[in-house]
Protein backbone atom coordinates (compact mmCIF):
# COMPACT_ATOMS: atom_id res chain seq x y z
CA MET A 1 18.45 9.07 -11.56
CA SER A 2 20.86 5.40 -12.82
CA ALA A 3 18.79 2.94 -14.78
CA ARG A 4 19.30 0.67 -11.74
CA THR A 5 17.32 2.37 -9.76
CA ARG A 6 14.78 3.14 -11.89
CA ARG A 7 14.22 -0.27 -11.99
CA ARG A 8 14.41 -0.45 -8.45
CA LEU A 9 11.35 1.92 -8.27
CA ARG A 10 9.52 -0.41 -10.23
CA VAL A 11 10.12 -3.76 -8.12
CA PHE A 12 7.21 -4.24 -5.49
CA GLY A 13 8.38 -3.02 -1.67
CA ALA A 14 9.13 -5.09 1.19
CA ALA A 15 6.54 -6.42 3.93
CA ALA A 16 6.92 -6.34 7.01
CA VAL A 17 9.02 -8.62 8.96
CA GLY A 18 8.50 -10.16 12.49
CA VAL A 19 10.52 -13.19 14.64
CA MET A 20 9.26 -16.62 13.20
CA ALA A 21 8.70 -19.32 15.60
CA VAL A 22 9.79 -22.46 15.58
CA GLY A 23 7.44 -25.79 14.75
CA ILE A 24 5.07 -26.62 12.07
CA THR A 25 0.79 -26.75 12.30
CA ALA A 26 -0.26 -30.47 11.19
CA VAL A 27 -1.89 -30.54 8.11
CA ILE A 28 -5.61 -31.59 7.90
CA SER A 29 -8.06 -32.26 4.93
CA VAL A 30 -9.66 -29.87 2.54
CA PRO A 31 -12.25 -27.64 4.96
CA ALA A 32 -15.55 -28.81 4.64
CA THR A 33 -18.17 -26.71 2.41
CA ALA A 34 -19.99 -24.91 5.30
CA ALA A 35 -17.11 -22.87 5.98
CA THR A 36 -16.82 -19.58 4.65
CA SER A 37 -14.41 -18.11 2.72
CA VAL A 38 -12.64 -15.29 4.17
CA TYR A 39 -9.98 -14.16 1.76
CA GLY A 40 -8.26 -15.55 -0.86
CA GLU A 41 -5.89 -14.48 -3.92
CA ASN A 42 -5.06 -16.57 -7.03
CA PHE A 43 -2.81 -13.93 -8.39
CA SER A 44 -4.70 -13.59 -11.63
CA ASN A 45 -4.27 -9.68 -11.08
CA GLY A 46 -0.41 -9.66 -9.99
CA LEU A 47 0.15 -9.91 -6.66
CA GLY A 48 -3.13 -8.72 -5.91
CA THR A 49 -3.35 -8.17 -2.29
CA PHE A 50 0.31 -9.00 -1.14
CA THR A 51 3.33 -6.38 -0.79
CA ALA A 52 6.38 -8.21 -1.55
CA SER A 53 10.82 -7.69 -1.11
CA GLY A 54 13.03 -9.52 -3.40
CA SER A 55 12.68 -11.25 -6.10
CA VAL A 56 9.32 -11.79 -6.18
CA SER A 57 6.90 -11.91 -9.98
CA ALA A 58 3.52 -12.54 -10.54
CA SER A 59 3.07 -13.22 -14.47
CA THR A 60 1.06 -15.97 -15.33
CA GLY A 61 -1.51 -16.54 -12.72
CA SER A 62 0.60 -17.50 -9.75
CA ALA A 63 3.21 -15.80 -7.94
CA ARG A 64 7.17 -17.00 -7.85
CA MET A 65 10.00 -16.46 -5.38
CA SER A 66 13.47 -16.58 -6.89
CA GLY A 67 16.68 -17.23 -4.97
CA SER A 68 19.06 -14.47 -4.90
CA LEU A 69 22.74 -13.84 -3.67
CA LEU A 70 21.60 -10.29 -1.84
CA SER A 71 18.30 -10.39 -0.43
CA ASP A 72 15.99 -13.44 0.30
CA PRO A 73 12.22 -13.03 -1.44
CA SER A 74 9.29 -12.92 0.61
CA MET A 75 5.25 -11.78 0.44
CA THR A 76 3.46 -11.05 2.86
CA SER A 77 -0.74 -10.65 2.60
CA ALA A 78 -2.78 -7.57 3.69
CA PRO A 79 -4.51 -8.34 6.82
CA VAL A 80 -7.37 -10.86 6.90
CA ASP A 81 -10.19 -9.91 9.33
CA LEU A 82 -11.27 -12.82 10.98
CA GLY A 83 -14.20 -10.62 12.75
CA ASP A 84 -16.75 -13.60 14.66
CA HIS A 85 -15.23 -16.09 12.30
CA SER A 86 -13.35 -19.23 14.10
CA ASP A 87 -12.44 -22.59 12.85
CA VAL A 88 -9.51 -20.87 10.69
CA THR A 89 -7.82 -23.27 8.16
CA VAL A 90 -5.69 -21.39 5.61
CA SER A 91 -4.86 -23.27 2.11
CA TYR A 92 -2.59 -23.00 -1.20
CA THR A 93 -0.82 -24.24 -3.57
CA ARG A 94 3.03 -24.45 -3.70
CA THR A 95 5.95 -25.66 -5.65
CA ALA A 96 9.96 -25.60 -4.38
CA SER A 97 12.26 -25.92 -7.56
CA GLY A 98 15.48 -26.69 -7.45
CA LEU A 99 16.88 -25.89 -3.64
CA ASP A 100 19.74 -27.57 -2.40
CA LEU A 101 20.72 -28.84 0.92
CA GLY A 102 20.32 -26.21 3.82
CA GLU A 103 18.39 -23.68 1.48
CA SER A 104 14.42 -24.15 2.33
CA PHE A 105 10.68 -22.41 2.22
CA THR A 106 9.21 -21.25 4.96
CA VAL A 107 5.23 -20.56 5.01
CA ALA A 108 4.24 -18.41 8.32
CA TYR A 109 1.36 -16.53 9.76
CA SER A 110 0.86 -13.52 12.01
CA VAL A 111 -1.83 -12.60 14.61
CA ASP A 112 -2.97 -8.77 15.47
CA GLY A 113 0.72 -7.85 13.69
CA GLY A 114 2.71 -9.80 16.03
CA ALA A 115 6.04 -12.34 15.17
CA PHE A 116 5.23 -14.90 12.84
CA THR A 117 4.87 -18.04 13.45
CA ALA A 118 5.86 -21.32 11.05
CA LEU A 119 3.08 -23.60 9.10
CA GLU A 120 5.76 -25.27 7.15
CA SER A 121 9.38 -25.51 6.22
CA SER A 122 11.14 -27.37 3.98
CA ARG A 123 13.56 -27.32 0.90
CA THR A 124 11.17 -30.11 -1.26
CA ALA A 125 7.16 -29.93 -1.45
CA ALA A 126 4.78 -29.87 -4.35
CA GLY A 127 0.63 -29.51 -4.39
CA PRO A 128 -1.88 -27.96 -2.33
CA VAL A 129 -2.00 -28.19 1.51
CA SER A 130 -4.23 -27.13 4.19
CA PHE A 131 -3.69 -26.18 7.72
CA ARG A 132 -6.03 -25.31 10.66
CA LEU A 133 -5.06 -22.29 13.01
CA PRO A 134 -5.14 -22.50 16.57
CA SER A 135 -8.17 -21.08 18.08
CA SER A 136 -6.23 -18.17 19.41
CA VAL A 137 -6.10 -16.78 16.09
CA ASP A 138 -10.38 -16.61 15.94
CA GLY A 139 -11.79 -12.94 15.73
CA ARG A 140 -8.46 -11.44 15.33
CA THR A 141 -6.30 -10.54 12.52
CA VAL A 142 -4.01 -12.31 10.79
CA ARG A 143 -1.38 -11.93 7.74
CA LEU A 144 0.29 -14.56 5.59
CA ARG A 145 4.07 -14.57 4.88
CA PHE A 146 5.85 -17.07 1.95
CA SER A 147 10.00 -16.57 2.48
CA LEU A 148 12.40 -18.80 0.45
CA ASP A 149 16.06 -19.09 1.77
CA ALA A 150 17.81 -19.92 -1.33
CA SER A 151 21.15 -18.27 -3.42
CA SER A 152 20.26 -18.87 -7.21
CA ALA A 153 17.83 -17.28 -9.43
CA LEU A 154 16.78 -21.31 -10.76
CA GLU A 155 15.47 -21.90 -7.25
CA THR A 156 11.84 -21.02 -6.82
CA LEU A 157 9.12 -21.46 -4.78
CA THR A 158 5.65 -21.05 -6.64
CA VAL A 159 2.70 -20.24 -4.65
CA ASP A 160 -1.11 -19.86 -6.06
CA ASP A 161 -4.88 -20.24 -4.72
CA VAL A 162 -3.84 -18.97 -1.16
CA LEU A 163 -7.59 -19.16 1.06
CA VAL A 164 -8.52 -18.36 4.09
CA ARG A 165 -11.92 -20.13 5.24
CA ALA A 166 -13.70 -20.26 8.52
CA GLU A 167 -17.06 -21.26 10.56
CA GLY A 168 -19.39 -18.60 11.50
CA GLY A 169 -19.33 -14.79 10.31
CA GLY A 170 -22.30 -14.32 8.45
CA GLY A 171 -22.09 -15.23 5.02
CA GLY A 172 -18.69 -13.37 4.76
CA PRO A 173 -17.58 -9.62 5.07
CA THR A 174 -19.59 -6.83 4.16
CA ASP A 175 -19.19 -3.38 3.00
CA PRO A 176 -17.76 -0.64 4.60
CA PRO A 177 -19.72 2.75 5.40
CA GLY A 178 -19.59 4.60 2.21
CA GLY A 179 -18.22 7.99 1.69
CA SER A 180 -18.40 9.94 -1.40
CA LEU A 181 -17.07 8.12 -3.35
CA PRO A 182 -17.97 4.35 -4.09
CA PRO A 183 -17.39 1.57 -1.53
CA VAL A 184 -14.41 -0.48 -1.94
CA SER A 185 -13.50 -3.73 0.84
CA ASP A 186 -9.55 -3.50 -0.03
CA VAL A 187 -7.32 -0.72 -0.89
CA THR A 188 -4.13 -3.07 -1.56
CA ALA A 189 -6.51 -3.81 -4.75
CA PRO A 190 -7.24 -1.22 -7.57
CA GLY A 191 -10.77 0.65 -7.02
CA PRO A 192 -13.67 0.38 -9.32
CA TYR A 193 -12.53 2.96 -11.98
CA ALA A 194 -10.98 2.40 -15.37
CA VAL A 195 -8.49 5.20 -15.84
CA SER A 196 -7.12 7.31 -18.00
CA ILE A 197 -3.97 9.20 -18.48
CA ASP A 198 -2.66 12.29 -20.59
CA THR A 199 0.92 13.08 -20.31
CA THR A 200 0.82 16.51 -21.89
CA ALA A 201 -1.03 17.99 -19.35
CA GLY A 202 -0.99 20.75 -16.84
CA PRO A 203 0.14 24.35 -17.07
CA GLY A 204 3.51 23.83 -18.74
CA ASP A 205 1.60 20.66 -20.58
CA ASP A 206 4.71 18.50 -19.11
CA GLY A 207 2.81 16.90 -16.56
CA TRP A 208 0.21 13.50 -16.07
CA LEU A 209 -3.25 14.06 -15.55
CA VAL A 210 -4.41 10.57 -13.85
CA TYR A 211 -8.37 10.15 -13.83
CA PRO A 212 -11.43 8.17 -13.49
CA THR A 213 -12.04 7.54 -17.31
CA ASN A 214 -15.53 8.04 -16.29
CA ALA A 215 -15.46 11.02 -14.14
CA GLY A 216 -18.57 12.01 -13.01
CA GLN A 217 -20.38 9.05 -13.19
CA ASN A 218 -23.62 8.71 -10.61
CA GLY A 219 -23.06 12.56 -9.71
CA VAL A 220 -19.59 11.73 -8.18
CA ASP A 221 -17.42 14.67 -7.40
CA HIS A 222 -13.71 13.53 -7.18
CA PRO A 223 -11.44 14.62 -4.82
CA VAL A 224 -8.17 15.73 -6.13
CA PHE A 225 -4.21 14.74 -5.53
CA VAL A 226 -1.18 16.44 -6.46
CA TRP A 227 1.84 14.37 -6.60
CA GLY A 228 5.51 15.30 -6.11
CA PRO A 229 8.11 12.72 -7.19
CA GLY A 230 11.37 12.64 -5.90
CA ALA A 231 14.48 14.25 -7.11
CA GLY A 232 15.74 12.56 -10.37
CA SER A 233 12.43 10.66 -11.50
CA ASP A 234 9.07 11.77 -13.55
CA PRO A 235 5.15 10.78 -12.73
CA ALA A 236 6.32 7.82 -15.42
CA ASP A 237 8.39 6.19 -12.59
CA TYR A 238 5.17 5.87 -10.31
CA GLU A 239 2.42 5.18 -12.99
CA ASP A 240 1.45 2.23 -10.94
CA MET A 241 0.92 3.86 -8.05
CA LEU A 242 -0.72 7.06 -9.74
CA ARG A 243 -3.16 4.74 -11.51
CA GLN A 244 -3.90 3.13 -8.41
CA TRP A 245 -5.20 6.31 -6.66
CA ALA A 246 -6.93 7.38 -9.57
CA SER A 247 -8.92 4.13 -9.84
CA HIS A 248 -10.25 4.61 -6.43
CA GLY A 249 -11.58 7.64 -7.30
CA PHE A 250 -9.38 10.59 -7.49
CA VAL A 251 -8.09 12.94 -10.02
CA VAL A 252 -4.26 13.03 -9.80
CA TYR A 253 -2.03 15.36 -11.09
CA SER A 254 2.31 15.10 -11.13
CA GLU A 255 5.06 16.91 -12.69
CA VAL A 256 8.73 16.55 -12.63
CA SER A 257 8.82 18.11 -8.91
CA SER A 258 11.07 21.01 -7.10
CA SER A 259 12.51 21.85 -3.42
CA SER A 260 9.60 25.11 -4.05
CA GLY A 261 5.89 23.85 -4.16
CA ASP A 262 4.81 26.49 -6.26
CA TYR A 263 4.51 24.12 -9.44
CA MET A 264 1.96 22.28 -6.94
CA VAL A 265 -0.26 25.66 -6.24
CA ASP A 266 -0.24 26.18 -10.07
CA ALA A 267 -1.41 23.02 -10.87
CA LEU A 268 -4.19 23.42 -8.53
CA ASP A 269 -5.39 26.62 -10.49
CA TRP A 270 -5.00 24.84 -13.62
CA LEU A 271 -6.95 22.17 -12.15
CA GLU A 272 -9.70 24.71 -11.28
CA ASP A 273 -9.70 25.44 -14.77
CA GLN A 274 -10.09 22.43 -16.12
CA ASN A 275 -13.26 21.77 -13.75
CA ALA A 276 -14.68 25.28 -14.96
CA SER A 277 -14.06 24.69 -18.70
CA PRO A 278 -16.38 22.72 -20.91
CA SER A 279 -13.72 21.31 -23.56
CA SER A 280 -12.11 19.39 -20.04
CA PRO A 281 -12.86 15.86 -19.63
CA LEU A 282 -13.38 16.89 -15.75
CA TYR A 283 -15.59 19.71 -16.75
CA GLN A 284 -17.66 19.93 -13.08
CA ASP A 285 -16.37 16.73 -11.96
CA LEU A 286 -13.75 17.87 -9.41
CA ASP A 287 -14.60 18.20 -6.00
CA LEU A 288 -12.30 21.24 -5.43
CA ALA A 289 -12.95 21.38 -1.51
CA GLU A 290 -11.34 18.15 -1.22
CA VAL A 291 -7.35 18.37 -2.05
CA ALA A 292 -4.69 16.83 -1.14
CA PHE A 293 -0.66 17.39 -1.53
CA GLY A 294 1.73 14.43 -1.16
CA GLY A 295 5.19 13.95 -2.83
CA HIS A 296 8.02 11.29 -2.53
CA SER A 297 11.60 12.49 -1.20
CA ARG A 298 12.06 16.10 -3.00
CA GLY A 299 8.07 15.68 -3.67
CA SER A 300 7.28 15.59 -0.14
CA ILE A 301 10.39 18.59 0.54
CA GLY A 302 7.67 20.76 -1.70
CA THR A 303 4.84 19.93 -0.47
CA PHE A 304 6.06 20.99 3.15
CA ASP A 305 6.79 24.58 1.50
CA VAL A 306 3.33 25.12 0.57
CA ALA A 307 1.78 23.17 2.98
CA ASP A 308 -0.01 26.00 4.55
CA GLU A 309 -2.14 26.26 1.14
CA PRO A 310 -5.50 26.98 2.30
CA ARG A 311 -7.21 24.83 -0.16
CA LEU A 312 -5.54 21.36 1.38
CA GLU A 313 -7.42 19.10 3.26
CA THR A 314 -4.51 17.07 4.04
CA THR A 315 -0.57 16.55 3.02
CA ILE A 316 1.18 12.97 2.24
CA HIS A 317 5.29 13.19 3.44
CA VAL A 318 7.18 9.60 1.78
CA ALA A 319 10.55 8.87 2.40
CA GLY A 320 11.07 13.32 2.73
CA GLY A 321 11.66 15.16 5.58
CA SER A 322 12.77 18.62 5.74
CA PHE A 323 16.64 18.94 6.40
CA ASP A 324 16.84 21.90 8.78
CA GLY A 325 13.60 20.58 10.59
CA ASN A 326 11.13 23.41 10.10
CA GLY A 327 9.27 22.05 7.32
CA PRO A 328 6.18 21.18 9.57
CA ASP A 329 5.81 25.01 10.58
CA ASN A 330 3.66 25.48 7.09
CA LEU A 331 1.18 22.33 8.72
CA ARG A 332 -2.27 23.41 8.56
CA ASN A 333 -4.00 20.15 8.37
CA PRO A 334 -3.53 16.71 9.16
CA THR A 335 -0.80 15.10 7.99
CA LEU A 336 0.87 11.17 6.85
CA TYR A 337 4.33 10.70 7.33
CA ILE A 338 5.99 7.64 5.81
CA GLY A 339 9.23 6.29 5.93
CA GLY A 340 11.27 2.98 5.97
CA ASP A 341 14.00 1.38 8.67
CA GLU A 342 16.56 1.02 5.93
CA ASP A 343 15.59 5.16 4.54
CA PHE A 344 18.32 7.55 5.05
CA ALA A 345 15.88 9.94 5.05
CA THR A 346 13.91 8.77 8.29
CA ALA A 347 15.77 10.85 10.69
CA ASN A 348 15.16 13.86 9.33
CA MET A 349 11.19 12.73 9.00
CA GLU A 350 11.99 11.66 13.03
CA THR A 351 12.90 15.40 13.38
CA ASP A 352 9.88 17.04 11.71
CA TYR A 353 7.92 14.50 13.42
CA ALA A 354 8.91 15.67 17.08
CA ASN A 355 8.15 19.35 15.57
CA THR A 356 5.03 18.71 13.91
CA ASP A 357 1.44 20.52 16.05
CA VAL A 358 -1.13 19.41 13.43
CA PRO A 359 -2.51 15.54 13.62
CA VAL A 360 -0.14 13.39 12.39
CA TRP A 361 0.54 9.91 11.55
CA PHE A 362 3.74 8.28 11.05
CA ASN A 363 4.65 4.58 9.86
CA ILE A 364 8.24 3.49 9.51
CA LEU A 365 7.59 0.06 7.24
CA ASP A 366 9.65 -2.45 8.20
CA GLY A 367 12.22 -3.49 5.15
CA THR A 368 11.64 -0.65 3.35
CA ASP A 369 14.02 1.68 1.60
CA HIS A 370 13.80 5.58 0.07
CA ILE A 371 13.30 4.43 -3.20
CA LEU A 372 10.29 1.70 -2.05
CA ALA A 373 8.93 3.96 0.20
CA THR A 374 5.96 5.06 -1.70
CA ARG A 375 5.42 1.43 -3.29
CA ASN A 376 5.35 -0.24 0.08
CA GLY A 377 3.49 2.65 1.39
CA GLN A 378 1.00 3.20 -1.65
CA HIS A 379 -2.20 1.15 0.43
CA VAL A 380 -1.48 3.46 2.99
CA ILE A 381 -2.20 6.25 1.30
CA THR A 382 -5.58 5.17 -0.71
CA ALA A 383 -6.60 4.29 2.60
CA TRP A 384 -5.96 7.92 3.74
CA LEU A 385 -7.02 9.62 1.01
CA ARG A 386 -10.12 7.82 1.44
CA TRP A 387 -10.64 9.24 4.95
CA HIS A 388 -9.65 12.35 4.56
CA LEU A 389 -11.14 12.99 0.91
CA ALA A 390 -13.79 10.82 0.73
CA ASP A 391 -15.15 11.33 4.12
CA GLU A 392 -14.83 7.59 5.18
CA GLU A 393 -14.81 8.08 8.55
CA PHE A 394 -14.83 4.35 9.73
CA ARG A 395 -11.00 4.68 8.87
CA ARG A 396 -10.07 6.85 11.83
CA SER A 397 -9.79 3.80 13.96
CA THR A 398 -10.18 0.77 11.58
CA ASP A 399 -6.86 1.81 9.62
CA PHE A 400 -5.56 4.19 11.82
CA LEU A 401 -5.98 5.00 15.44
CA SER A 402 -6.53 2.23 17.39
CA PRO A 403 -4.19 -0.41 18.58
CA ASN A 404 -4.55 -3.15 16.50
CA CYS A 405 -5.40 -0.35 12.79
CA SER A 406 -4.54 -2.68 9.88
CA PHE A 407 -1.63 -0.63 9.02
CA CYS A 408 -0.04 -1.03 12.63
CA GLY A 409 1.78 -4.14 11.51
CA LEU A 410 3.17 -3.20 8.78
CA GLY A 411 6.18 -1.32 10.87
CA GLU A 412 6.53 1.22 13.47
CA THR A 413 3.86 3.30 14.24
CA THR A 414 3.13 6.47 15.85
CA TYR A 415 0.63 9.15 16.23
CA LYS A 416 -0.70 12.13 18.10
CA ASN A 417 -2.43 15.76 18.22
CA TRP A 418 -5.70 13.71 17.87
């Protein structure tokens, strides 16, 4: 893998793309204090709940988009469930700098994964602003998108303090039903665990073991996820994603992949030994009845190779269809497919989907190429693991198997055999 490709792996991925309607909702005053805060993002922990495409950074407590001749930057929020809320307002602070005539930034919202409608579109703006959304959004799911149409890296849009407020709702969101891991309200954010990494782990001392630092705390047994990187890459290229999954309570192992998945089986054997060894930091802390294999590109192909491993509960395949369409023959358990609308491997994944006989959920992410598929889909993977390995059954309909599922607005979604 070239240095340029490695850099692209580390760029935050693209968000769902919609057709933006013309028109601007009137600016209103700041909402009254009686309103409930439904959603907020101040970018104190990077992009937080936003996913992004193009040149977007969040290193100083705000998000900044920079113009480019190659692609216009944008960032889109996670879905905001308005539940039984009404009188919804959206506020944020923005500053546009250096935009020339004909260039602009746009802020828009989408309802239930539909087309985006503009809140404002302008060349110059600075300071806080607030908009009241129409009553048609009440009780539904909305996403916010900030985008910049500019050609120079010196032309920027800075965004901060994004807030959604509304009336009603009984005092804000409640915790979701629990499973075997501590519950979370947002799978796009890090989980409750601090994370440790051993970069000399595994059967050959050349793999990465990424795990909750306080594994076993409060009697929790941690499910296992073995991850295969794409060809030409290694676990370091996926470090932020491995950390994310471990922060949610999963013990993650990864090493350089091969098209044969035997290394995954060997890794699982090694993890079983760690669970039985008093000298291991994971001694008697693993839930070896809850195991997933998954991978990106060649890692997905290796996962197909050993998908009939009897200790598995599920498999995950990202931007990696089998070349002959026979990969699904080994599947024995529910499986997740993630592709991209700009990915050359998606055609093979579509063939695999047609040939899949087990329960399968397939999302072709908008604005996503081969390199960025894992990063753009990492929160989908988190939710899938929490469903299938941590027994959060509410995710079946909330996140995946319903017409208005949490991730159905990210791209083309299909599923079968459930």
